[in-house]
Amino acid sequence: MSRKAWIIFLSLQAAGIIFSLASRYTLGPSPLISGIGVGLLVSGNLLLFPGSLVGLIVIQKVLFHSGLSVDSLSLLGILVAVAANLAIWLVWARLYRSA
């Protein structure tokens, strides 16, 4: 992949990670109270999108009953989402170059 494609990928993933992590500290006692927290959470999930679905499935089916804390599960979900997005990004780049 070109340098420009890597910069785009990394900036989207970094923004998604930052928004997802920042939403935890802005949600307050109830997510419905803080519109900023909900907006950051939704934006972060959309930026991490196809990988966030894979992360959700992995966390729910494999790691949910592992005894890890909610914060640990959340961070693992973000890591799985970025890894899945990288795999999808590389597959699309290879298909684009071969077309």
Foldseek 3Di string as FASTA:
>chain_A
DDPVLVVVLVVLLVLLVVLCVVLVVQCPPHVVVGPSSVVSNVSSCVSLPPQLVVLVVCCVPPPVPVPDDPVVSSVSSSVSSSVVVVVVSVVVVVVVVVD
